[in-house]
C-alpha cells in the first residue's frame, strides 16, 4: 500500500507536467498576381515558373532548393 506522501507526489507530478511546446511557423505573405520576382528574388520567367495543383505560380529554383534541403 502507498503512503499518503507517495500519492501526493504522484498527484503533483501529474499536475506539474508541462504541456507540449508549440513553435510558431513563419509564413510569407502571398505574392500579388503581377509580381515579377519570387520572395527570394528569382525572376518569374516562363522557364522558371510552373503552376501548382491549386493554380498558384511557383518558382522552380526555389522548389529545387527546397527539395534539396528535404532530401528528395
Protein backbone atom coordinates (compact mmCIF):
# COMPACT_ATOMS: atom_id res chain seq x y z
CA UNK A 1 0.00 0.00 0.00
CA UNK A 2 1.27 3.51 -0.82
CA UNK A 3 1.81 6.13 1.81
CA UNK A 4 -0.22 9.35 1.60
CA UNK A 5 3.01 11.22 0.83
CA UNK A 6 3.77 8.96 -2.17
CA UNK A 7 0.23 9.52 -3.54
CA UNK A 8 0.70 13.28 -3.05
CA UNK A 9 3.98 13.24 -5.00
CA UNK A 10 2.39 11.19 -7.80
CA UNK A 11 -0.50 13.66 -7.98
CA UNK A 12 1.90 16.63 -8.08
CA UNK A 13 3.92 15.04 -10.89
CA UNK A 14 0.76 14.83 -12.99
CA UNK A 15 -0.18 18.44 -12.32
CA UNK A 16 3.28 19.92 -12.98
CA UNK A 17 3.94 18.06 -16.24
CA UNK A 18 4.39 20.77 -18.90
CA UNK A 19 2.24 20.99 -21.99
CA UNK A 20 3.94 20.35 -25.35
CA UNK A 21 5.77 23.39 -26.67
CA UNK A 22 4.50 24.73 -29.97
CA UNK A 23 6.85 26.54 -32.31
CA UNK A 24 5.46 29.47 -34.30
CA UNK A 25 5.56 28.92 -38.06
CA UNK A 26 6.96 31.62 -40.32
CA UNK A 27 4.59 32.22 -43.20
CA UNK A 28 5.18 34.52 -46.12
CA UNK A 29 2.51 36.81 -47.47
CA UNK A 30 1.10 35.74 -50.84
CA UNK A 31 2.58 37.46 -53.86
CA UNK A 32 0.37 39.72 -55.96
CA UNK A 33 -0.66 38.41 -59.39
CA UNK A 34 1.52 40.99 -61.19
CA UNK A 35 4.73 40.18 -59.22
CA UNK A 36 7.82 39.80 -61.41
CA UNK A 37 10.05 38.06 -58.84
CA UNK A 38 9.56 35.48 -56.07
CA UNK A 39 10.24 36.18 -52.38
CA UNK A 40 13.88 35.12 -52.82
CA UNK A 41 14.43 37.41 -55.81
CA UNK A 42 14.28 34.87 -58.67
CA UNK A 43 12.63 36.24 -61.81
CA UNK A 44 9.25 34.86 -62.84
CA UNK A 45 10.18 33.92 -66.39
CA UNK A 46 8.28 31.30 -68.43
CA UNK A 47 11.04 28.72 -67.96
CA UNK A 48 11.29 29.38 -64.17
CA UNK A 49 7.58 29.30 -63.29
CA UNK A 50 5.08 26.50 -63.03
CA UNK A 51 1.54 26.30 -61.70
CA UNK A 52 0.91 24.07 -58.71
CA UNK A 53 -2.29 21.97 -58.45
CA UNK A 54 -4.05 24.91 -56.77
CA UNK A 55 -3.18 27.19 -59.69
CA UNK A 56 -0.57 29.29 -57.91
CA UNK A 57 2.66 30.35 -59.59
CA UNK A 58 5.69 28.63 -58.09
CA UNK A 59 9.38 29.41 -58.64
CA UNK A 60 11.20 26.34 -59.98
CA UNK A 61 14.56 27.41 -58.47
CA UNK A 62 13.04 27.82 -55.01
CA UNK A 63 11.31 24.43 -55.30
CA UNK A 64 14.60 22.81 -56.36
CA UNK A 65 16.39 24.33 -53.35
CA UNK A 66 13.54 23.34 -51.01
CA UNK A 67 13.52 19.75 -52.31
CA UNK A 68 17.30 19.50 -51.96
CA UNK A 69 17.04 20.55 -48.30
CA UNK A 70 14.30 17.94 -47.74
CA UNK A 71 16.44 15.24 -49.34
CA UNK A 72 14.14 14.50 -52.27
